[in-house]
């Protein structure tokens, strides 16, 4: 079964590598519906600032159509100390389509989001309203700056026209994307590629504590 969208944040290249591998991405993109969007947030390697754009060109050569290049402005960034390069305060988000019949709900981000009012912890209304063009001033996830913020996932899904029950493919497993999908009612699909987070640390639901009244009754019965 094909997924309706691919949303992910690529992990930084490992070891001595400074550029991204388009080949492994193409295999994942093949799992996306013909009308679906491919949304890639690509970190800028401080010593290879051209790396995201090389990846963009390679994917275009493979037949993908670049629909939008979004500037995601990060409020917190790693200050560069051991390099003769500037610190990166933004991150490119490339949105690709697989065919000319792609779904692109351009006006979604200009509308007040409905159904998310009770989830202020994950989505910010002011941020949502500012993301009406190709410059998204979105705060980092406060838990871990490597998490893709829920607001980015929401915006991408809205542009892709996702509805509850539809599937989102994340090739590299990013906890921020997984949690946003759960809140929005989208089915999260882990693509299985090695990423920045070990999968054995996926969050597990804690065992439920017995209700206070039930706990008191159990204690009373044990005393008797």
N, C-alpha and C. Protein backbone atom coordinates (compact mmCIF):
# COMPACT_ATOMS: atom_id res chain seq x y z
N UNK A 1 0.85 -1.19 0.00
CA UNK A 1 0.00 0.00 0.00
C UNK A 1 0.88 1.24 0.00
N UNK A 2 0.61 2.17 -0.93
CA UNK A 2 1.38 3.41 -0.99
C UNK A 2 0.94 4.39 0.08
N UNK A 3 1.89 5.19 0.54
CA UNK A 3 1.59 6.25 1.51
C UNK A 3 1.17 7.51 0.78
N UNK A 4 0.38 8.34 1.45
CA UNK A 4 -0.11 9.56 0.82
C UNK A 4 0.91 10.71 0.85
N UNK A 5 1.92 10.60 1.70
CA UNK A 5 2.95 11.63 1.76
C UNK A 5 4.20 11.07 2.41
N UNK A 6 5.33 11.67 2.09
CA UNK A 6 6.60 11.36 2.76
C UNK A 6 7.04 12.65 3.45
N UNK A 7 7.24 12.57 4.75
CA UNK A 7 7.71 13.71 5.54
C UNK A 7 8.88 13.23 6.40
N UNK A 8 10.02 13.89 6.29
CA UNK A 8 11.16 13.44 7.07
C UNK A 8 12.18 14.55 7.24
N UNK A 9 13.05 14.36 8.22
CA UNK A 9 14.24 15.20 8.38
C UNK A 9 15.44 14.29 8.26
N UNK A 10 16.32 14.57 7.31
CA UNK A 10 17.46 13.71 7.08
C UNK A 10 18.46 13.82 8.21
N UNK A 11 19.08 12.70 8.60
CA UNK A 11 20.18 12.79 9.57
C UNK A 11 21.42 13.35 8.90
N UNK A 12 22.29 13.97 9.67
CA UNK A 12 23.53 14.48 9.11
C UNK A 12 24.35 13.34 8.52
N UNK A 13 25.09 13.58 7.44
CA UNK A 13 25.97 12.54 6.90
C UNK A 13 26.96 12.08 7.96
N UNK A 14 27.22 10.77 7.98
CA UNK A 14 28.07 10.20 9.02
C UNK A 14 29.51 10.07 8.55
N UNK A 15 30.41 10.01 9.52
CA UNK A 15 31.83 9.81 9.22
C UNK A 15 32.43 10.99 8.47
N UNK A 16 33.21 10.67 7.44
CA UNK A 16 33.84 11.72 6.64
C UNK A 16 32.96 12.23 5.51
N UNK A 17 31.75 11.67 5.41
CA UNK A 17 30.85 12.09 4.34
C UNK A 17 30.26 13.46 4.65
N UNK A 18 30.10 14.26 3.61
CA UNK A 18 29.51 15.58 3.78
C UNK A 18 28.29 15.79 2.90
N UNK A 19 27.98 14.78 2.07
CA UNK A 19 26.86 14.92 1.16
C UNK A 19 25.85 13.79 1.37
N UNK A 20 24.64 14.00 0.89
CA UNK A 20 23.54 13.08 1.12
C UNK A 20 23.39 12.11 -0.05
N UNK A 21 22.93 10.90 0.27
CA UNK A 21 22.76 9.84 -0.72
C UNK A 21 21.34 9.88 -1.28
N UNK A 22 21.20 10.27 -2.53
CA UNK A 22 19.88 10.34 -3.14
C UNK A 22 19.34 8.95 -3.48
N UNK A 23 20.23 7.98 -3.62
CA UNK A 23 19.81 6.64 -4.01
C UNK A 23 18.87 5.98 -3.01
N UNK A 24 19.23 6.04 -1.71
CA UNK A 24 18.37 5.40 -0.72
C UNK A 24 17.04 6.12 -0.58
N UNK A 25 17.04 7.41 -0.89
CA UNK A 25 15.78 8.16 -0.84
C UNK A 25 14.85 7.77 -1.97
N UNK A 26 15.41 7.51 -3.13
CA UNK A 26 14.57 7.15 -4.28
C UNK A 26 13.79 5.87 -4.01
N UNK A 27 14.42 4.92 -3.31
CA UNK A 27 13.73 3.67 -2.98
C UNK A 27 12.53 3.93 -2.08
N UNK A 28 12.66 4.88 -1.16
CA UNK A 28 11.57 5.23 -0.25
C UNK A 28 10.48 6.02 -0.98
N UNK A 29 10.91 6.91 -1.85
CA UNK A 29 9.95 7.74 -2.59
C UNK A 29 9.06 6.89 -3.48
N UNK A 30 9.56 5.75 -3.90
CA UNK A 30 8.76 4.84 -4.73
C UNK A 30 7.53 4.33 -3.99
N UNK A 31 7.54 4.42 -2.64
CA UNK A 31 6.42 3.93 -1.84
C UNK A 31 5.32 4.97 -1.66
N UNK A 32 5.51 6.16 -2.24
CA UNK A 32 4.55 7.25 -2.09
C UNK A 32 3.58 7.25 -3.26
N UNK A 33 2.33 7.54 -2.98
CA UNK A 33 1.30 7.62 -4.01
C UNK A 33 1.69 8.62 -5.08
N UNK A 34 1.23 8.39 -6.31
CA UNK A 34 1.61 9.24 -7.45
C UNK A 34 1.20 10.69 -7.25
N UNK A 35 0.15 10.93 -6.47
CA UNK A 35 -0.32 12.30 -6.24
C UNK A 35 0.21 12.88 -4.93
N UNK A 36 1.01 12.11 -4.20
CA UNK A 36 1.49 12.53 -2.89
C UNK A 36 2.69 13.46 -2.98
N UNK A 37 2.95 14.17 -1.89
CA UNK A 37 4.09 15.06 -1.80
C UNK A 37 5.24 14.40 -1.05
N UNK A 38 6.45 14.80 -1.40
CA UNK A 38 7.66 14.34 -0.73
C UNK A 38 8.30 15.57 -0.08
N UNK A 39 8.30 15.60 1.25
CA UNK A 39 8.78 16.77 2.01
C UNK A 39 10.05 16.41 2.76
N UNK A 40 11.16 17.02 2.39
CA UNK A 40 12.46 16.68 2.96
C UNK A 40 13.07 17.90 3.64
N UNK A 41 13.22 17.84 4.95
CA UNK A 41 13.96 18.87 5.68
C UNK A 41 15.41 18.41 5.75
N UNK A 42 16.32 19.22 5.19
CA UNK A 42 17.70 18.77 5.01
C UNK A 42 18.66 19.69 5.77
N UNK A 43 19.28 19.19 6.84
CA UNK A 43 20.24 20.01 7.59
C UNK A 43 21.40 20.46 6.71
N UNK A 44 21.89 21.67 6.96
CA UNK A 44 23.04 22.20 6.22
C UNK A 44 24.31 21.81 6.96
N UNK A 45 25.14 21.00 6.31
CA UNK A 45 26.43 20.62 6.90
C UNK A 45 27.32 21.85 6.90
N UNK A 46 27.86 22.20 8.06
CA UNK A 46 28.58 23.46 8.20
C UNK A 46 29.76 23.55 7.25
N UNK A 47 30.41 22.42 6.93
CA UNK A 47 31.56 22.44 6.04
C UNK A 47 31.20 22.06 4.61
N UNK A 48 29.92 21.88 4.34
CA UNK A 48 29.46 21.59 2.98
C UNK A 48 28.08 22.22 2.79
N UNK A 49 28.01 23.56 2.78
CA UNK A 49 26.71 24.23 2.71
C UNK A 49 25.95 23.98 1.42
N UNK A 50 26.63 23.39 0.42
CA UNK A 50 25.94 23.08 -0.83
C UNK A 50 25.27 21.71 -0.82
N UNK A 51 25.49 20.92 0.24
CA UNK A 51 25.00 19.54 0.26
C UNK A 51 23.49 19.41 0.04
N UNK A 52 22.65 20.20 0.74
CA UNK A 52 21.20 20.07 0.51
C UNK A 52 20.80 20.34 -0.94
N UNK A 53 21.48 21.27 -1.57
CA UNK A 53 21.10 21.68 -2.92
C UNK A 53 21.62 20.69 -3.97
N UNK A 54 22.72 20.03 -3.65
CA UNK A 54 23.17 18.92 -4.51
C UNK A 54 22.15 17.80 -4.49
N UNK A 55 21.65 17.51 -3.30
CA UNK A 55 20.61 16.48 -3.17
C UNK A 55 19.37 16.89 -3.95
N UNK A 56 18.97 18.15 -3.84
CA UNK A 56 17.80 18.65 -4.56
C UNK A 56 17.96 18.43 -6.06
N UNK A 57 19.14 18.76 -6.61
CA UNK A 57 19.38 18.62 -8.05
C UNK A 57 19.37 17.15 -8.47
N UNK A 58 19.94 16.28 -7.64
CA UNK A 58 19.96 14.85 -7.97
C UNK A 58 18.54 14.29 -8.02
N UNK A 59 17.69 14.70 -7.08
CA UNK A 59 16.32 14.20 -7.06
C UNK A 59 15.52 14.76 -8.25
N UNK A 60 15.81 15.99 -8.64
CA UNK A 60 15.17 16.55 -9.83
C UNK A 60 15.58 15.77 -11.07
N UNK A 61 16.84 15.42 -11.16
CA UNK A 61 17.32 14.65 -12.31
C UNK A 61 16.67 13.27 -12.37
N UNK A 62 16.27 12.75 -11.21
CA UNK A 62 15.64 11.43 -11.18
C UNK A 62 14.17 11.48 -11.60
N UNK A 63 13.63 12.68 -11.84
CA UNK A 63 12.27 12.79 -12.33
C UNK A 63 11.29 13.48 -11.41
N UNK A 64 11.73 13.85 -10.21
CA UNK A 64 10.84 14.55 -9.29
C UNK A 64 10.70 16.01 -9.69
N UNK A 65 9.54 16.58 -9.42
CA UNK A 65 9.31 18.00 -9.70
C UNK A 65 9.38 18.78 -8.39
N UNK A 66 10.22 19.81 -8.36
CA UNK A 66 10.33 20.65 -7.17
C UNK A 66 9.16 21.62 -7.14
N UNK A 67 8.28 21.44 -6.15
CA UNK A 67 7.09 22.27 -6.02
C UNK A 67 7.39 23.52 -5.21
N UNK A 68 8.21 23.38 -4.16
CA UNK A 68 8.51 24.52 -3.30
C UNK A 68 9.83 24.28 -2.57
N UNK A 69 10.53 25.37 -2.29
CA UNK A 69 11.72 25.33 -1.45
C UNK A 69 11.46 26.28 -0.28
N UNK A 70 11.22 25.71 0.88
CA UNK A 70 10.82 26.48 2.06
C UNK A 70 12.03 26.74 2.94
N UNK A 71 12.09 27.93 3.50
CA UNK A 71 13.12 28.26 4.48
C UNK A 71 12.51 28.11 5.86
N UNK A 72 12.97 27.06 6.59
CA UNK A 72 12.51 26.87 7.97
C UNK A 72 13.53 27.57 8.87
N UNK A 73 13.10 28.68 9.48
CA UNK A 73 13.97 29.47 10.35
C UNK A 73 13.91 28.92 11.76
N UNK A 74 15.05 28.50 12.29
CA UNK A 74 15.13 27.87 13.60
C UNK A 74 15.49 28.92 14.66
N UNK A 75 14.83 28.86 15.80
CA UNK A 75 15.10 29.84 16.85
C UNK A 75 16.36 29.49 17.64
N UNK A 76 16.76 28.22 17.63
CA UNK A 76 17.98 27.79 18.33
C UNK A 76 18.85 27.03 17.35
N UNK A 77 20.12 27.34 17.33
CA UNK A 77 21.01 26.67 16.39
C UNK A 77 22.36 26.43 17.06
N UNK A 78 23.12 25.54 16.48
CA UNK A 78 24.44 25.22 17.01
C UNK A 78 25.42 26.27 16.51
N UNK A 79 26.10 26.94 17.44
CA UNK A 79 27.07 27.97 17.08
C UNK A 79 28.34 27.30 16.58
N UNK A 80 28.78 27.71 15.40
CA UNK A 80 29.98 27.13 14.80
C UNK A 80 31.22 27.75 15.43
N UNK A 81 32.10 26.89 15.97
CA UNK A 81 33.32 27.38 16.64
C UNK A 81 34.59 26.89 15.95
N UNK A 82 34.56 25.68 15.40
CA UNK A 82 35.78 25.09 14.84
C UNK A 82 35.75 25.08 13.31
N UNK A 83 35.07 26.00 12.73
CA UNK A 83 34.99 26.06 11.28
C UNK A 83 35.10 27.51 10.83
N UNK A 84 35.52 27.68 9.60
CA UNK A 84 35.63 29.03 9.04
C UNK A 84 34.34 29.37 8.27
N UNK A 85 33.24 28.76 8.68
CA UNK A 85 31.95 28.99 8.04
C UNK A 85 31.00 29.69 9.02
N UNK A 86 29.91 30.22 8.49
CA UNK A 86 28.90 30.85 9.32
C UNK A 86 28.00 29.80 9.97
N UNK A 87 27.47 30.12 11.13
CA UNK A 87 26.50 29.24 11.77
C UNK A 87 25.21 29.23 10.94
N UNK A 88 24.52 28.09 10.95
CA UNK A 88 23.29 27.94 10.19
C UNK A 88 22.09 28.23 11.08
N UNK A 89 21.31 29.21 10.71
CA UNK A 89 20.12 29.56 11.49
C UNK A 89 18.84 29.14 10.78
N UNK A 90 18.96 28.51 9.63
CA UNK A 90 17.79 28.06 8.89
C UNK A 90 18.07 26.70 8.26
N UNK A 91 17.03 26.10 7.74
CA UNK A 91 17.16 24.77 7.13
C UNK A 91 16.23 24.69 5.93
N UNK A 92 16.72 24.25 4.78
CA UNK A 92 15.84 24.14 3.62
C UNK A 92 14.90 22.95 3.73
N UNK A 93 13.67 23.17 3.33
CA UNK A 93 12.67 22.12 3.27
C UNK A 93 12.21 22.02 1.83
N UNK A 94 12.59 20.94 1.16
CA UNK A 94 12.24 20.74 -0.24
C UNK A 94 10.94 19.95 -0.34
N UNK A 95 10.02 20.45 -1.13
CA UNK A 95 8.75 19.76 -1.35
C UNK A 95 8.69 19.35 -2.82
N UNK A 96 8.68 18.03 -3.04
CA UNK A 96 8.68 17.48 -4.39
C UNK A 96 7.34 16.82 -4.71
N UNK A 97 7.07 16.68 -6.01
CA UNK A 97 5.91 15.94 -6.49
C UNK A 97 6.40 14.86 -7.45
N UNK A 98 5.65 13.75 -7.53
CA UNK A 98 6.03 12.64 -8.39
C UNK A 98 5.38 12.73 -9.77
N UNK A 99 4.31 13.49 -9.88
CA UNK A 99 3.60 13.61 -11.16
C UNK A 99 2.96 14.99 -11.26
N UNK A 100 2.46 15.30 -12.44
CA UNK A 100 1.80 16.60 -12.64
C UNK A 100 0.45 16.67 -11.94
N UNK A 101 -0.08 15.56 -11.48
CA UNK A 101 -1.39 15.52 -10.84
C UNK A 101 -1.29 15.54 -9.32
N UNK A 102 -0.24 16.12 -8.80
CA UNK A 102 -0.02 16.13 -7.36
C UNK A 102 -1.05 17.00 -6.66
N UNK A 103 -1.30 16.65 -5.39
CA UNK A 103 -2.19 17.44 -4.54
C UNK A 103 -1.35 18.48 -3.81
N UNK A 104 -1.76 19.74 -3.89
CA UNK A 104 -1.04 20.81 -3.19
C UNK A 104 -2.07 21.80 -2.67
N UNK A 105 -2.44 21.63 -1.42
CA UNK A 105 -3.47 22.46 -0.80
C UNK A 105 -2.83 23.76 -0.31
N UNK A 106 -2.53 24.64 -1.24
CA UNK A 106 -1.74 25.83 -0.94
C UNK A 106 -2.36 26.75 0.11
N UNK A 107 -3.67 26.82 0.14
CA UNK A 107 -4.34 27.75 1.05
C UNK A 107 -4.56 27.19 2.45
N UNK A 108 -4.15 25.97 2.69
CA UNK A 108 -4.42 25.34 3.99
C UNK A 108 -3.77 26.10 5.13
N UNK A 109 -2.56 26.58 4.93
CA UNK A 109 -1.81 27.23 6.01
C UNK A 109 -2.33 28.63 6.31
N UNK A 110 -3.22 29.17 5.49
CA UNK A 110 -3.77 30.50 5.76
C UNK A 110 -5.07 30.42 6.54
N UNK A 111 -5.57 29.22 6.74
CA UNK A 111 -6.83 29.05 7.44
C UNK A 111 -6.58 28.71 8.91
N UNK A 112 -7.49 29.09 9.76
CA UNK A 112 -7.38 28.72 11.17
C UNK A 112 -7.55 27.21 11.27
N UNK A 113 -6.63 26.58 11.94
CA UNK A 113 -6.71 25.12 12.03
C UNK A 113 -7.89 24.72 12.90
N UNK A 114 -8.63 23.75 12.45
CA UNK A 114 -9.81 23.28 13.18
C UNK A 114 -9.54 21.88 13.71
N UNK A 115 -9.90 21.66 14.94
CA UNK A 115 -9.71 20.34 15.51
C UNK A 115 -8.45 20.20 16.32
N UNK A 116 -7.61 21.25 16.36
CA UNK A 116 -6.36 21.16 17.09
C UNK A 116 -6.33 22.13 18.27
N UNK A 117 -7.47 22.76 18.57
CA UNK A 117 -7.48 23.81 19.60
C UNK A 117 -7.02 23.32 20.96
N UNK A 118 -7.28 22.04 21.27
CA UNK A 118 -6.93 21.52 22.58
C UNK A 118 -5.53 20.97 22.66
N UNK A 119 -4.71 21.24 21.66
CA UNK A 119 -3.38 20.65 21.62
C UNK A 119 -2.30 21.72 21.55
N UNK A 120 -2.43 22.71 22.44
CA UNK A 120 -1.49 23.82 22.41
C UNK A 120 -0.06 23.39 22.66
N UNK A 121 0.12 22.27 23.33
CA UNK A 121 1.47 21.82 23.63
C UNK A 121 2.25 21.43 22.40
N UNK A 122 1.56 21.05 21.34
CA UNK A 122 2.24 20.58 20.13
C UNK A 122 2.21 21.60 19.00
N UNK A 123 1.13 22.41 18.92
CA UNK A 123 0.99 23.34 17.82
C UNK A 123 0.71 24.73 18.35
N UNK A 124 1.30 25.71 17.74
CA UNK A 124 1.14 27.10 18.16
C UNK A 124 0.37 27.87 17.10
N UNK A 125 -0.74 28.47 17.50
CA UNK A 125 -1.62 29.15 16.54
C UNK A 125 -0.90 30.30 15.84
N UNK A 126 -0.10 31.08 16.58
CA UNK A 126 0.59 32.20 15.97
C UNK A 126 1.60 31.72 14.92
N UNK A 127 2.33 30.66 15.24
CA UNK A 127 3.27 30.11 14.27
C UNK A 127 2.53 29.62 13.03
N UNK A 128 1.40 28.98 13.26
CA UNK A 128 0.64 28.42 12.15
C UNK A 128 0.24 29.51 11.16
N UNK A 129 -0.17 30.63 11.67
CA UNK A 129 -0.65 31.71 10.81
C UNK A 129 0.48 32.41 10.07
N UNK A 130 1.71 32.31 10.56
CA UNK A 130 2.83 32.97 9.88
C UNK A 130 3.35 32.13 8.72
N UNK A 131 3.02 30.86 8.67
CA UNK A 131 3.55 29.97 7.64
C UNK A 131 2.67 30.00 6.39
N UNK A 132 2.57 31.17 5.79
CA UNK A 132 1.68 31.30 4.63
C UNK A 132 2.47 31.44 3.34
N UNK A 133 3.78 31.42 3.42
CA UNK A 133 4.61 31.51 2.23
C UNK A 133 5.72 30.48 2.29
N UNK A 134 6.90 30.85 1.82
CA UNK A 134 8.02 29.90 1.81
C UNK A 134 9.03 30.20 2.92
N UNK A 135 8.64 31.00 3.92
CA UNK A 135 9.49 31.28 5.08
C UNK A 135 8.71 30.92 6.34
N UNK A 136 9.16 29.86 7.04
CA UNK A 136 8.44 29.36 8.21
C UNK A 136 9.25 29.60 9.48
N UNK A 137 8.91 30.61 10.26
CA UNK A 137 9.60 30.84 11.54
C UNK A 137 9.03 29.92 12.61
N UNK A 138 9.62 28.76 12.77
CA UNK A 138 9.10 27.74 13.69
C UNK A 138 10.17 27.40 14.72
N UNK A 139 9.77 27.38 15.98
CA UNK A 139 10.71 27.06 17.06
C UNK A 139 11.13 25.60 17.02
N UNK A 140 12.36 25.35 17.44
CA UNK A 140 12.82 23.98 17.59
C UNK A 140 11.98 23.25 18.63
N UNK A 141 11.93 21.94 18.51
CA UNK A 141 11.34 21.14 19.58
C UNK A 141 12.19 21.33 20.82
N UNK A 142 11.57 21.71 21.94
CA UNK A 142 12.31 22.05 23.15
C UNK A 142 13.00 20.83 23.77
N UNK A 143 12.56 19.62 23.44
CA UNK A 143 13.16 18.42 24.02
C UNK A 143 14.47 18.05 23.35
N UNK A 144 14.50 18.21 22.00
CA UNK A 144 15.68 17.82 21.24
C UNK A 144 15.65 18.57 19.91
N UNK A 145 16.69 19.33 19.62
CA UNK A 145 16.68 20.14 18.41
C UNK A 145 16.72 19.29 17.14
N UNK A 146 17.04 18.00 17.26
CA UNK A 146 17.07 17.13 16.08
C UNK A 146 15.66 16.66 15.71
N UNK A 147 14.72 16.72 16.67
CA UNK A 147 13.33 16.39 16.35
C UNK A 147 12.81 17.38 15.31
N UNK A 148 12.07 16.90 14.33
CA UNK A 148 11.40 17.82 13.42
C UNK A 148 10.19 18.37 14.17
N UNK A 149 10.07 19.69 14.33
CA UNK A 149 8.96 20.25 15.10
C UNK A 149 7.60 19.81 14.55
N UNK A 150 6.66 19.61 15.45
CA UNK A 150 5.32 19.17 15.05
C UNK A 150 4.69 20.16 14.06
N UNK A 151 5.03 21.45 14.22
CA UNK A 151 4.45 22.46 13.33
C UNK A 151 4.86 22.24 11.87
N UNK A 152 6.10 21.79 11.64
CA UNK A 152 6.56 21.51 10.28
C UNK A 152 5.78 20.33 9.70
N UNK A 153 5.63 19.28 10.51
CA UNK A 153 4.86 18.12 10.05
C UNK A 153 3.43 18.50 9.73
N UNK A 154 2.81 19.33 10.58
CA UNK A 154 1.44 19.77 10.35
C UNK A 154 1.34 20.54 9.04
N UNK A 155 2.24 21.50 8.83
CA UNK A 155 2.19 22.30 7.60
C UNK A 155 2.33 21.43 6.35
N UNK A 156 3.29 20.50 6.38
CA UNK A 156 3.50 19.63 5.22
C UNK A 156 2.28 18.76 4.96
N UNK A 157 1.73 18.20 6.02
CA UNK A 157 0.55 17.36 5.86
C UNK A 157 -0.65 18.12 5.34
N UNK A 158 -0.81 19.36 5.81
CA UNK A 158 -1.91 20.20 5.33
C UNK A 158 -1.75 20.51 3.85
N UNK A 159 -0.53 20.82 3.42
CA UNK A 159 -0.28 21.08 2.00
C UNK A 159 -0.57 19.84 1.16
N UNK A 160 -0.28 18.67 1.73
CA UNK A 160 -0.51 17.41 1.00
C UNK A 160 -1.97 16.98 1.04
N UNK A 161 -2.81 17.73 1.76
CA UNK A 161 -4.23 17.40 1.82
C UNK A 161 -4.53 16.16 2.64
N UNK A 162 -3.69 15.88 3.65
CA UNK A 162 -3.89 14.67 4.44
C UNK A 162 -5.14 14.76 5.30
N UNK A 163 -5.83 13.63 5.42
CA UNK A 163 -7.00 13.49 6.27
C UNK A 163 -6.73 12.40 7.30
N UNK A 164 -7.46 12.39 8.43
CA UNK A 164 -7.25 11.34 9.42
C UNK A 164 -7.34 9.95 8.79
N UNK A 165 -6.41 9.09 9.16
CA UNK A 165 -6.37 7.73 8.63
C UNK A 165 -5.41 7.57 7.47
N UNK A 166 -4.97 8.67 6.87
CA UNK A 166 -4.01 8.58 5.77
C UNK A 166 -2.61 8.33 6.32
N UNK A 167 -1.72 7.84 5.44
CA UNK A 167 -0.41 7.37 5.87
C UNK A 167 0.70 8.36 5.53
N UNK A 168 1.63 8.51 6.49
CA UNK A 168 2.82 9.35 6.30
C UNK A 168 4.05 8.46 6.45
N UNK A 169 4.89 8.45 5.42
CA UNK A 169 6.13 7.67 5.45
C UNK A 169 7.27 8.54 5.94
N UNK A 170 7.99 8.04 6.95
CA UNK A 170 9.18 8.70 7.48
C UNK A 170 10.34 7.72 7.34
N UNK A 171 11.19 7.86 6.34
CA UNK A 171 12.25 6.87 6.10
C UNK A 171 13.22 6.68 7.25
N UNK A 172 13.49 7.75 8.05
CA UNK A 172 14.58 7.70 9.02
C UNK A 172 14.14 7.62 10.47
N UNK A 173 12.87 7.53 10.74
CA UNK A 173 12.31 7.51 12.09
C UNK A 173 12.72 8.74 12.91
N UNK A 174 11.82 9.69 12.96
CA UNK A 174 12.01 10.89 13.77
C UNK A 174 10.87 10.96 14.78
N UNK A 175 11.16 10.90 16.08
CA UNK A 175 10.10 10.90 17.10
C UNK A 175 9.16 12.08 16.99
N UNK A 176 9.67 13.25 16.58
CA UNK A 176 8.80 14.41 16.45
C UNK A 176 7.72 14.20 15.40
N UNK A 177 8.07 13.56 14.29
CA UNK A 177 7.09 13.28 13.23
C UNK A 177 6.10 12.23 13.70
N UNK A 178 6.60 11.20 14.37
CA UNK A 178 5.72 10.14 14.85
C UNK A 178 4.67 10.69 15.81
N UNK A 179 5.08 11.53 16.75
CA UNK A 179 4.14 12.08 17.73
C UNK A 179 3.13 13.02 17.09
N UNK A 180 3.59 13.82 16.12
CA UNK A 180 2.66 14.73 15.42
C UNK A 180 1.60 13.93 14.67
N UNK A 181 2.01 12.85 14.03
CA UNK A 181 1.05 12.01 13.30
C UNK A 181 0.00 11.42 14.24
N UNK A 182 0.43 11.00 15.42
CA UNK A 182 -0.51 10.45 16.38
C UNK A 182 -1.54 11.49 16.79
N UNK A 183 -1.09 12.73 17.02
CA UNK A 183 -2.00 13.80 17.41
C UNK A 183 -3.00 14.14 16.30
N UNK A 184 -2.54 14.04 15.07
CA UNK A 184 -3.36 14.46 13.93
C UNK A 184 -4.22 13.33 13.36
N UNK A 185 -4.01 12.11 13.85
CA UNK A 185 -4.79 10.99 13.35
C UNK A 185 -4.27 10.42 12.05
N UNK A 186 -3.01 10.72 11.71
CA UNK A 186 -2.40 10.14 10.51
C UNK A 186 -1.63 8.88 10.89
N UNK A 187 -1.60 7.93 10.01
CA UNK A 187 -0.88 6.68 10.26
C UNK A 187 0.60 6.88 9.98
N UNK A 188 1.42 6.65 10.98
CA UNK A 188 2.86 6.83 10.84
C UNK A 188 3.50 5.53 10.35
N UNK A 189 4.31 5.63 9.30
CA UNK A 189 4.99 4.46 8.72
C UNK A 189 6.49 4.70 8.79
N UNK A 190 7.19 3.85 9.49
CA UNK A 190 8.64 3.93 9.64
C UNK A 190 9.29 3.24 8.44
N UNK A 191 10.11 4.00 7.69
CA UNK A 191 10.74 3.45 6.50
C UNK A 191 11.89 2.51 6.77
N UNK A 192 12.45 2.52 8.00
CA UNK A 192 13.47 1.55 8.37
C UNK A 192 14.90 1.92 8.07
N UNK A 193 15.16 3.12 7.53
CA UNK A 193 16.54 3.52 7.25
C UNK A 193 17.23 3.98 8.53
N UNK A 194 18.55 3.79 8.63
CA UNK A 194 19.27 4.26 9.83
C UNK A 194 19.20 5.77 9.94
N UNK A 195 18.88 6.25 11.14
CA UNK A 195 18.74 7.69 11.35
C UNK A 195 19.46 8.16 12.58
N UNK A 196 19.01 9.28 13.12
CA UNK A 196 19.66 9.87 14.28
C UNK A 196 19.19 9.27 15.59
N UNK A 197 18.08 8.50 15.56
CA UNK A 197 17.49 7.97 16.78
C UNK A 197 17.38 6.44 16.69
N UNK A 198 17.90 5.71 17.70
CA UNK A 198 17.74 4.26 17.72
C UNK A 198 16.29 3.87 17.91
N UNK A 199 15.84 2.91 17.16
CA UNK A 199 14.43 2.52 17.22
C UNK A 199 14.06 1.79 18.50
N UNK A 200 15.05 1.27 19.21
CA UNK A 200 14.73 0.58 20.46
C UNK A 200 14.37 1.57 21.56
N UNK A 201 14.48 2.87 21.26
CA UNK A 201 14.09 3.89 22.23
C UNK A 201 12.73 4.50 21.91
N UNK A 202 12.00 3.86 21.00
CA UNK A 202 10.66 4.35 20.71
C UNK A 202 9.86 4.40 21.99
N UNK A 203 9.07 5.44 22.12
CA UNK A 203 8.37 5.64 23.39
C UNK A 203 7.39 4.51 23.64
N UNK A 204 7.35 4.08 24.88
CA UNK A 204 6.43 3.03 25.30
C UNK A 204 5.43 3.62 26.27
N UNK A 205 4.19 3.23 26.11
CA UNK A 205 3.15 3.75 27.00
C UNK A 205 3.35 3.18 28.40
N UNK A 206 3.43 4.02 29.41
CA UNK A 206 3.63 3.52 30.77
C UNK A 206 2.40 2.75 31.24
N UNK A 207 2.64 1.83 32.15
CA UNK A 207 1.53 1.06 32.70
C UNK A 207 0.60 1.99 33.46
N UNK A 208 -0.67 1.80 33.28
CA UNK A 208 -1.65 2.69 33.92
C UNK A 208 -1.72 2.42 35.41
N UNK A 209 -1.73 3.50 36.18
CA UNK A 209 -1.89 3.39 37.63
C UNK A 209 -3.35 3.10 37.95
N UNK A 210 -3.62 2.26 38.92
CA UNK A 210 -5.02 2.01 39.28
C UNK A 210 -5.67 3.27 39.81
N UNK A 211 -6.95 3.40 39.56
CA UNK A 211 -7.68 4.57 40.04
C UNK A 211 -7.55 4.67 41.56
N UNK A 212 -7.60 5.92 42.08
CA UNK A 212 -7.38 6.15 43.52
C UNK A 212 -8.36 5.35 44.37
N UNK A 213 -9.64 5.33 43.98
CA UNK A 213 -10.64 4.61 44.76
C UNK A 213 -10.35 3.12 44.75
N UNK A 214 -9.97 2.60 43.55
CA UNK A 214 -9.68 1.17 43.45
C UNK A 214 -8.46 0.83 44.29
N UNK A 215 -7.44 1.73 44.28
CA UNK A 215 -6.22 1.48 45.04
C UNK A 215 -6.52 1.44 46.53
N UNK A 216 -7.37 2.35 47.02
CA UNK A 216 -7.74 2.39 48.43
C UNK A 216 -8.48 1.13 48.84
N UNK A 217 -9.37 0.66 47.94
CA UNK A 217 -10.14 -0.55 48.24
C UNK A 217 -9.22 -1.76 48.35
N UNK A 218 -8.18 -1.80 47.43
CA UNK A 218 -7.25 -2.92 47.49
C UNK A 218 -6.43 -2.90 48.78
N UNK A 219 -5.99 -1.70 49.20
CA UNK A 219 -5.23 -1.58 50.43
C UNK A 219 -6.07 -1.98 51.64
N UNK A 220 -7.36 -1.58 51.65
CA UNK A 220 -8.25 -1.92 52.74
C UNK A 220 -8.47 -3.42 52.83
N UNK A 221 -8.67 -4.07 51.66
CA UNK A 221 -8.91 -5.50 51.64
C UNK A 221 -7.67 -6.26 52.08
N UNK A 222 -6.49 -5.72 51.75
CA UNK A 222 -5.23 -6.38 52.18
C UNK A 222 -5.06 -6.28 53.69
N UNK A 223 -5.50 -5.13 54.30
CA UNK A 223 -5.37 -4.97 55.74
C UNK A 223 -6.30 -5.91 56.46
N UNK A 224 -7.48 -6.17 55.84
CA UNK A 224 -8.43 -7.07 56.51
C UNK A 224 -7.98 -8.50 56.40
